[in-house]
Amino acid sequence: MAQKREPVSGGTRPAPIRTPNGSPRTDLLELFFDLALVAGLAMTSMKMAADQSWTGIAQALLLLSTLFAVWVTTTLITDSYSPRKHPIPLLILGTMFGLMLMAAALPTAFGDHGLIFSGTWVVIFLVRGLVLAWFLRGRPEQERPVRALIWDVGSGTLWVVGGLVADPGWRLALWLAALTVDYTAFGLRFPLPGRAPLPRYQVVPEHLAERYQQIYILSLGELVLVSVLSLGHQPFTADRVATFGTAFLTAAVLWWSYARGAGATLRAAIESSPHPARLVQTNPYAHWLMIAGVVGTAAGVERVIEHPAERPGAPMVALILGGAGLVLCGRAVLEYAVYERLPLSHVVGAVVTIALAPVAAHLPGLAVSVAAGLVLLGVAAAESIRARRRSTG
């Protein structure tokens, strides 16, 4: 069972920390905040669909990772601090505005709006850290935002310099280095020389599990939305409707396999785990893989609905098959974290998506989409059969 946090009585003002008798359910403000990330997912899939190159895909994945990092850190804040206690609502709304601004700048983040994208990222983390450090002053909890601020200043320098560099290649390299610093600091809990490690995150299992379940389902909404909008702007032909149907079945399989697998038991896994902090650290990476896969799949659907009979180039094959492969890799990581076993079906499915790539380059886009959908369906069926045997065995 995850340890319950007790409010600390020291300090000059009440801390916005969640109390043991507070509601563990998601607050409506948090769901409102999620809409900003949904907008970012939409802009990312549009960028992937419009820029069919390896560089374009790499840029889009880095930008998606940046947006998702904002969501992850905000979710940990609302898991530790009540979203109904001052100043947390203002922090969430301010972060939401910043995330929306980053999403708006995303299509041209490697062009004219690089400094807007990176500068907004820096402002979000620095302002948020300063506010939390101020409100937690005199309390042990203050050390975490203070340490995070030290790391944010270092990575923020790389973000700003990257935004000022005109060359897209150098900007990509600098931002990748900055994001690596941010993810490393988060994973190692903001270490400092000569200082003891920060305590592991103490979480509210019901709240944290619910937040990741919600954002994954909302990411599937991107696949649904892209399918509807793409078909709605094209003449209804048999192959386009077939692509639309394939996209729907893919979304349904992705929902069903998550809802019947580790996603459904995430709360129980956190509660029963002797090391719940391990799941706290694993969740962001597993769900990032799944969400990136869904966004890539949505980008592929948009292009295939426009030109269903056209043979996709290598980057488009990577979006369609690689999207399915990323989802399966994310599911495998999550299953391993929850059940402490590596699901063979997911590994085999990911390998099959790679093996299909050379053949897929010679097939029409609709056929490639169908192949990716069949791989996901096959993995879901194998997992369902295995679960049924385990329950009756």
Protein backbone atom coordinates (compact mmCIF):
# COMPACT_ATOMS: atom_id res chain seq x y z
CA MET A 1 0.00 0.00 0.00
CA ALA A 2 1.37 3.43 -0.91
CA GLN A 3 2.22 5.53 2.09
CA LYS A 4 -0.26 8.25 2.97
CA ARG A 5 1.11 11.76 3.30
CA GLU A 6 0.39 13.73 6.44
CA PRO A 7 0.27 17.49 6.23
CA VAL A 8 3.20 19.26 7.85
CA SER A 9 2.27 21.75 10.50
CA GLY A 10 5.31 24.01 10.28
CA GLY A 11 5.61 27.17 8.23
CA THR A 12 3.75 30.44 8.14
CA ARG A 13 0.87 29.51 5.86
CA PRO A 14 -1.15 26.34 5.17
CA ALA A 15 0.51 24.02 2.68
CA PRO A 16 -1.56 22.98 -0.37
CA ILE A 17 -0.69 19.32 0.27
CA ARG A 18 -3.36 16.67 -0.23
CA THR A 19 -4.78 15.49 3.09
CA PRO A 20 -5.45 11.82 3.84
CA ASN A 21 -9.22 12.44 4.00
CA GLY A 22 -9.30 14.36 0.73
CA SER A 23 -10.86 12.97 -2.45
CA PRO A 24 -8.44 10.87 -4.53
CA ARG A 25 -10.52 11.31 -7.66
CA THR A 26 -9.53 13.50 -10.58
CA ASP A 27 -10.65 17.10 -10.25
CA LEU A 28 -12.56 18.72 -13.11
CA LEU A 29 -9.79 21.31 -13.41
CA GLU A 30 -7.36 18.51 -14.24
CA LEU A 31 -9.63 17.26 -17.03
CA PHE A 32 -9.85 20.82 -18.32
CA PHE A 33 -6.05 20.98 -18.31
CA ASP A 34 -5.89 17.76 -20.37
CA LEU A 35 -7.52 19.59 -23.29
CA ALA A 36 -4.27 21.52 -23.80
CA LEU A 37 -2.32 18.29 -24.31
CA VAL A 38 -5.03 16.97 -26.63
CA ALA A 39 -4.51 20.08 -28.76
CA GLY A 40 -0.78 19.37 -28.74
CA LEU A 41 -1.37 15.78 -29.88
CA ALA A 42 -3.47 17.07 -32.77
CA MET A 43 -0.76 19.52 -33.84
CA THR A 44 1.87 16.78 -33.61
CA SER A 45 -0.04 14.35 -35.83
CA MET A 46 -0.66 17.14 -38.34
CA LYS A 47 3.06 17.91 -38.43
CA MET A 48 3.90 14.24 -38.96
CA ALA A 49 1.37 13.94 -41.78
CA ALA A 50 2.52 17.15 -43.47
CA ASP A 51 6.30 16.59 -43.18
CA GLN A 52 6.89 13.05 -44.43
CA SER A 53 10.60 12.84 -43.77
CA TRP A 54 12.80 11.20 -41.18
CA THR A 55 13.83 14.61 -39.89
CA GLY A 56 10.20 15.66 -39.63
CA ILE A 57 9.31 12.55 -37.64
CA ALA A 58 12.28 13.07 -35.30
CA GLN A 59 11.28 16.69 -34.73
CA ALA A 60 7.66 15.75 -34.05
CA LEU A 61 8.63 13.04 -31.55
CA LEU A 62 10.89 15.44 -29.66
CA LEU A 63 8.15 18.08 -29.53
CA LEU A 64 5.62 15.48 -28.38
CA SER A 65 8.02 14.36 -25.66
CA THR A 66 8.30 17.96 -24.50
CA LEU A 67 4.54 18.47 -24.30
CA PHE A 68 4.07 15.15 -22.51
CA ALA A 69 6.74 16.06 -19.95
CA VAL A 70 4.68 19.14 -19.04
CA TRP A 71 1.62 16.92 -18.54
CA VAL A 72 3.52 14.33 -16.46
CA THR A 73 5.04 16.86 -14.08
CA THR A 74 1.71 18.66 -13.70
CA THR A 75 0.03 15.35 -12.88
CA LEU A 76 2.59 14.66 -10.16
CA ILE A 77 1.94 18.12 -8.74
CA THR A 78 -1.82 17.52 -8.57
CA ASP A 79 -1.12 14.09 -7.06
CA SER A 80 0.92 15.70 -4.28
CA TYR A 81 -0.99 18.96 -3.85
CA SER A 82 -4.72 19.54 -3.84
CA PRO A 83 -5.93 21.21 -7.06
CA ARG A 84 -8.47 23.08 -4.94
CA LYS A 85 -5.98 24.75 -2.62
CA HIS A 86 -4.25 28.03 -3.43
CA PRO A 87 -2.01 28.44 -5.44
CA ILE A 88 -2.41 25.10 -7.27
CA PRO A 89 -5.44 26.11 -9.42
CA LEU A 90 -3.53 29.15 -10.68
CA LEU A 91 -0.47 27.00 -11.42
CA ILE A 92 -2.59 24.54 -13.40
CA LEU A 93 -4.29 27.28 -15.41
CA GLY A 94 -1.00 29.04 -16.07
CA THR A 95 0.60 25.77 -17.17
CA MET A 96 -2.40 25.07 -19.39
CA PHE A 97 -2.01 28.42 -21.14
CA GLY A 98 1.69 27.76 -21.65
CA LEU A 99 1.00 24.28 -23.01
CA MET A 100 -1.56 25.71 -25.44
CA LEU A 101 0.98 28.32 -26.58
CA MET A 102 3.58 25.59 -27.13
CA ALA A 103 1.04 23.55 -29.12
CA ALA A 104 0.25 26.59 -31.29
CA ALA A 105 3.98 27.15 -31.95
CA LEU A 106 4.66 23.45 -32.59
CA PRO A 107 4.22 23.40 -36.41
CA THR A 108 6.90 26.08 -36.82
CA ALA A 109 8.96 25.28 -33.72
CA PHE A 110 11.91 24.47 -35.98
CA GLY A 111 11.30 27.63 -37.95
CA ASP A 112 10.28 31.12 -36.89
CA HIS A 113 8.67 30.20 -33.57
CA GLY A 114 11.45 28.22 -31.94
CA LEU A 115 12.06 30.72 -29.16
CA ILE A 116 8.35 30.92 -28.39
CA PHE A 117 8.17 27.14 -27.99
CA SER A 118 11.32 26.76 -25.90
CA GLY A 119 10.92 30.00 -23.98
CA THR A 120 7.41 29.02 -22.91
CA TRP A 121 8.75 25.67 -21.69
CA VAL A 122 11.37 27.43 -19.56
CA VAL A 123 8.86 29.92 -18.14
CA ILE A 124 6.44 27.12 -17.19
CA PHE A 125 9.02 25.19 -15.19
CA LEU A 126 10.81 28.15 -13.60
CA VAL A 127 7.64 29.97 -12.53
CA ARG A 128 6.04 26.78 -11.28
CA GLY A 129 9.14 25.86 -9.28
CA LEU A 130 9.48 29.33 -7.77
CA VAL A 131 5.83 29.45 -6.71
CA LEU A 132 5.97 25.99 -5.10
CA ALA A 133 9.25 26.77 -3.35
CA TRP A 134 7.74 29.97 -1.94
CA PHE A 135 4.56 28.35 -0.66
CA LEU A 136 6.46 25.40 0.84
CA ARG A 137 9.13 27.49 2.53
CA GLY A 138 10.08 26.27 5.97
CA ARG A 139 8.87 22.75 5.18
CA PRO A 140 10.80 19.63 4.15
CA GLU A 141 8.74 19.42 0.94
CA GLN A 142 10.40 22.62 -0.30
CA GLU A 143 13.59 20.77 -1.18
CA ARG A 144 12.06 19.02 -4.21
CA PRO A 145 11.00 22.19 -6.12
CA VAL A 146 14.27 23.90 -5.15
CA ARG A 147 16.33 21.04 -6.58
CA ALA A 148 14.13 20.93 -9.65
CA LEU A 149 14.74 24.65 -10.17
CA ILE A 150 18.51 24.11 -10.17
CA TRP A 151 18.20 21.48 -12.90
CA ASP A 152 15.64 23.58 -14.80
CA VAL A 153 18.05 26.51 -15.00
CA GLY A 154 20.65 24.24 -16.59
CA SER A 155 18.33 22.61 -19.10
CA GLY A 156 16.53 25.91 -19.68
CA THR A 157 19.75 27.43 -20.97
CA LEU A 158 19.95 24.70 -23.60
CA TRP A 159 16.28 25.24 -24.50
CA VAL A 160 16.73 28.98 -24.99
CA VAL A 161 19.99 28.65 -26.94
CA GLY A 162 18.32 26.05 -29.15
CA GLY A 163 15.45 28.43 -29.81
CA LEU A 164 17.90 31.15 -30.85
CA VAL A 165 19.91 28.93 -33.22
CA ALA A 166 18.63 29.26 -36.77
CA ASP A 167 19.85 25.92 -38.12
CA PRO A 168 17.14 23.23 -37.61
CA GLY A 169 19.74 20.49 -37.18
CA TRP A 170 21.55 22.27 -34.38
CA ARG A 171 18.23 23.22 -32.81
CA LEU A 172 17.19 19.58 -32.81
CA ALA A 173 20.50 18.55 -31.22
CA LEU A 174 20.36 21.22 -28.51
CA TRP A 175 16.74 20.53 -27.66
CA LEU A 176 17.40 16.81 -27.57
CA ALA A 177 20.22 17.44 -25.09
CA ALA A 178 17.96 19.68 -23.01
CA LEU A 179 15.16 17.12 -22.98
CA THR A 180 17.64 14.40 -22.00
CA VAL A 181 18.72 16.52 -19.04
CA ASP A 182 15.09 17.04 -18.01
CA TYR A 183 14.12 13.37 -18.26
CA THR A 184 17.32 12.27 -16.50
CA ALA A 185 16.77 14.72 -13.65
CA PHE A 186 13.20 13.52 -13.22
CA GLY A 187 14.20 9.86 -13.34
CA LEU A 188 16.99 10.31 -10.77
CA ARG A 189 14.86 12.60 -8.57
CA PHE A 190 16.98 15.73 -9.10
CA PRO A 191 20.30 14.62 -7.59
CA LEU A 192 22.85 17.14 -6.33
CA PRO A 193 26.51 16.50 -5.37
CA GLY A 194 26.97 15.93 -1.68
CA ARG A 195 23.24 15.84 -0.97
CA ALA A 196 21.22 12.79 0.03
CA PRO A 197 18.78 11.52 -2.63
CA LEU A 198 15.27 12.92 -2.44
CA PRO A 199 12.67 10.54 -1.01
CA ARG A 200 10.75 8.54 -3.56
CA TYR A 201 7.42 9.91 -4.72
CA GLN A 202 4.56 9.04 -2.36
CA VAL A 203 1.47 8.78 -4.52
CA VAL A 204 -2.30 8.49 -4.32
CA PRO A 205 -2.79 5.26 -6.32
CA GLU A 206 -6.40 5.89 -7.37
CA HIS A 207 -5.65 9.40 -8.58
CA LEU A 208 -2.44 8.59 -10.44
CA ALA A 209 -3.88 5.51 -12.14
CA GLU A 210 -6.98 7.42 -13.17
CA ARG A 211 -4.93 10.25 -14.67
CA TYR A 212 -2.92 7.93 -16.93
CA GLN A 213 -6.02 6.00 -17.93
CA GLN A 214 -7.74 9.24 -18.87
CA ILE A 215 -4.90 10.65 -20.95
CA TYR A 216 -4.47 7.41 -22.88
CA ILE A 217 -8.17 7.29 -23.75
CA LEU A 218 -8.06 10.96 -24.74
CA SER A 219 -5.12 10.20 -27.04
CA LEU A 220 -7.30 7.61 -28.80
CA GLY A 221 -9.70 10.48 -29.41
CA GLU A 222 -7.03 11.97 -31.68
CA LEU A 223 -7.22 8.87 -33.90
CA VAL A 224 -11.02 9.09 -33.96
CA LEU A 225 -11.01 12.83 -34.68
CA VAL A 226 -8.41 12.60 -37.47
CA SER A 227 -10.36 9.79 -39.13
CA VAL A 228 -13.60 11.78 -39.11
CA LEU A 229 -12.05 15.07 -40.26
CA SER A 230 -9.97 13.41 -43.00
CA LEU A 231 -12.89 11.49 -44.47
CA GLY A 232 -15.19 14.49 -44.08
CA HIS A 233 -12.94 16.56 -46.40
CA GLN A 234 -12.68 13.89 -49.12
CA PRO A 235 -15.13 12.28 -51.56
CA PHE A 236 -16.55 9.07 -50.10
CA THR A 237 -15.00 6.23 -52.08
CA ALA A 238 -14.84 2.53 -51.22
CA ASP A 239 -11.13 2.57 -50.36
CA ARG A 240 -11.44 5.70 -48.25
CA VAL A 241 -14.37 4.27 -46.30
CA ALA A 242 -12.37 1.04 -45.88
CA THR A 243 -9.46 3.06 -44.44
CA PHE A 244 -11.90 4.86 -42.15
CA GLY A 245 -13.28 1.53 -40.96
CA THR A 246 -9.77 0.19 -40.39
CA ALA A 247 -8.93 3.26 -38.30
CA PHE A 248 -12.04 2.74 -36.19
CA LEU A 249 -11.26 -0.93 -35.60
CA THR A 250 -7.68 -0.02 -34.71
CA ALA A 251 -8.87 2.53 -32.15
CA ALA A 252 -11.35 0.01 -30.73
CA VAL A 253 -8.64 -2.67 -30.38
CA LEU A 254 -6.27 -0.20 -28.73
CA TRP A 255 -8.98 0.75 -26.23
CA TRP A 256 -10.09 -2.84 -25.58
CA SER A 257 -6.60 -4.26 -25.05
CA TYR A 258 -5.69 -1.46 -22.63
CA ALA A 259 -9.00 -1.62 -20.75
CA ARG A 260 -8.75 -5.40 -20.38
CA GLY A 261 -5.03 -5.45 -19.60
CA ALA A 262 -2.58 -3.62 -17.37
CA GLY A 263 -4.36 -0.30 -17.81
CA ALA A 264 -7.40 -1.58 -15.94
CA THR A 265 -5.38 -2.92 -13.01
CA LEU A 266 -2.97 0.01 -12.69
CA ARG A 267 -4.47 1.28 -9.45
CA ALA A 268 -4.38 -2.15 -7.79
CA ALA A 269 -0.81 -2.64 -8.97
CA ILE A 270 0.33 0.63 -7.39
CA GLU A 271 -1.52 -0.14 -4.15
CA SER A 272 -0.19 -3.68 -3.82
CA SER A 273 3.33 -3.12 -5.11
CA PRO A 274 6.10 -3.21 -2.48
CA HIS A 275 7.84 -0.58 -4.63
CA PRO A 276 5.07 1.77 -5.87
CA ALA A 277 7.64 4.43 -6.75
CA ARG A 278 8.94 2.12 -9.49
CA LEU A 279 5.55 2.28 -11.20
CA VAL A 280 5.50 6.06 -10.75
CA GLN A 281 8.79 6.23 -12.64
CA THR A 282 7.76 3.68 -15.30
CA ASN A 283 4.30 5.04 -16.08
CA PRO A 284 5.43 8.16 -17.99
CA TYR A 285 7.74 6.23 -20.33
CA ALA A 286 5.26 3.39 -20.98
CA HIS A 287 2.41 5.79 -21.72
CA TRP A 288 4.66 8.04 -23.80
CA LEU A 289 5.42 5.07 -26.08
CA MET A 290 1.74 4.24 -26.40
CA ILE A 291 0.63 7.83 -27.00
CA ALA A 292 3.42 8.43 -29.53
CA GLY A 293 2.29 5.28 -31.33
CA VAL A 294 -1.32 6.48 -31.41
CA VAL A 295 -0.28 9.89 -32.74
CA GLY A 296 1.87 8.28 -35.45
CA THR A 297 -1.02 6.01 -36.40
CA ALA A 298 -3.33 9.02 -36.63
CA ALA A 299 -0.87 10.81 -38.92
CA GLY A 300 -0.73 7.73 -41.14
CA VAL A 301 -4.53 7.51 -41.25
CA GLU A 302 -4.76 11.12 -42.39
CA ARG A 303 -2.43 10.51 -45.33
CA VAL A 304 -3.92 7.16 -46.29
CA ILE A 305 -7.48 8.50 -46.35
CA GLU A 306 -6.28 11.22 -48.72
CA HIS A 307 -4.43 8.75 -51.00
CA PRO A 308 -5.50 5.19 -50.11
CA ALA A 309 -4.14 3.58 -53.30
CA GLU A 310 -0.79 5.37 -53.20
CA ARG A 311 2.32 3.45 -52.14
CA PRO A 312 3.67 5.07 -48.98
CA GLY A 313 7.28 6.11 -48.71
CA ALA A 314 9.55 4.79 -46.00
CA PRO A 315 8.68 7.55 -43.47
CA MET A 316 4.96 6.90 -43.94
CA VAL A 317 5.49 3.16 -43.50
CA ALA A 318 7.31 4.00 -40.28
CA LEU A 319 4.33 6.04 -39.09
CA ILE A 320 1.78 3.31 -39.82
CA LEU A 321 3.70 0.20 -38.78
CA GLY A 322 5.98 1.99 -36.34
CA GLY A 323 2.94 3.50 -34.63
CA ALA A 324 1.57 0.02 -33.98
CA GLY A 325 5.01 -1.15 -32.85
CA LEU A 326 5.41 1.74 -30.40
CA VAL A 327 2.02 1.01 -28.85
CA LEU A 328 2.99 -2.63 -28.39
CA CYS A 329 6.35 -1.67 -26.87
CA GLY A 330 4.62 0.69 -24.45
CA ARG A 331 2.10 -1.98 -23.53
CA ALA A 332 4.93 -4.46 -22.96
CA VAL A 333 6.71 -2.02 -20.61
CA LEU A 334 3.48 -1.38 -18.73
CA GLU A 335 2.61 -5.08 -18.48
CA TYR A 336 6.08 -5.81 -17.14
CA ALA A 337 5.83 -3.02 -14.57
CA VAL A 338 2.37 -4.13 -13.41
CA TYR A 339 2.60 -7.93 -13.64
CA GLU A 340 6.40 -8.34 -13.53
CA ARG A 341 6.36 -10.43 -16.70
CA LEU A 342 7.21 -9.57 -20.28
CA PRO A 343 4.26 -10.47 -22.55
CA LEU A 344 5.61 -12.55 -25.44
CA SER A 345 2.69 -11.63 -27.71
CA HIS A 346 3.56 -7.92 -27.53
CA VAL A 347 7.22 -8.56 -28.28
CA VAL A 348 6.33 -10.80 -31.23
CA GLY A 349 3.85 -8.21 -32.51
CA ALA A 350 6.46 -5.45 -32.38
CA VAL A 351 8.94 -7.66 -34.26
CA VAL A 352 6.30 -8.43 -36.90
CA THR A 353 5.72 -4.72 -37.55
CA ILE A 354 9.45 -4.35 -38.23
CA ALA A 355 9.53 -7.44 -40.45
CA LEU A 356 6.60 -6.13 -42.52
CA ALA A 357 8.34 -2.85 -43.35
CA PRO A 358 10.27 -4.00 -46.47
CA VAL A 359 7.12 -5.53 -47.98
CA ALA A 360 4.89 -2.62 -46.98
CA ALA A 361 6.83 -0.20 -49.19
CA HIS A 362 5.42 -2.03 -52.23
CA LEU A 363 1.80 -2.06 -51.04
CA PRO A 364 -0.89 0.63 -51.19
CA GLY A 365 -1.43 2.64 -48.04
CA LEU A 366 -4.75 0.95 -47.29
CA ALA A 367 -3.10 -2.48 -47.28
CA VAL A 368 -0.39 -1.27 -44.91
CA SER A 369 -3.02 0.14 -42.55
CA VAL A 370 -4.92 -3.14 -42.63
CA ALA A 371 -1.70 -5.07 -41.90
CA ALA A 372 -0.93 -2.88 -38.89
CA GLY A 373 -4.47 -3.28 -37.62
CA LEU A 374 -4.31 -7.06 -38.00
CA VAL A 375 -1.08 -7.22 -36.00
CA LEU A 376 -2.71 -5.28 -33.15
CA LEU A 377 -5.83 -7.45 -33.36
CA GLY A 378 -3.74 -10.63 -33.31
CA VAL A 379 -1.85 -9.50 -30.21
CA ALA A 380 -5.11 -8.57 -28.46
CA ALA A 381 -6.63 -11.94 -29.35
CA ALA A 382 -3.56 -13.81 -28.08
CA GLU A 383 -3.69 -11.90 -24.81
CA SER A 384 -7.41 -12.60 -24.43
CA ILE A 385 -6.89 -16.34 -24.96
CA ARG A 386 -4.01 -16.40 -22.49
CA ALA A 387 -6.04 -14.51 -19.88
CA ARG A 388 -8.96 -16.89 -20.31
CA ARG A 389 -6.71 -19.90 -19.87
CA ARG A 390 -5.14 -18.38 -16.77
CA SER A 391 -8.55 -17.70 -15.19
CA THR A 392 -9.81 -21.24 -15.87
CA GLY A 393 -6.53 -23.05 -15.21
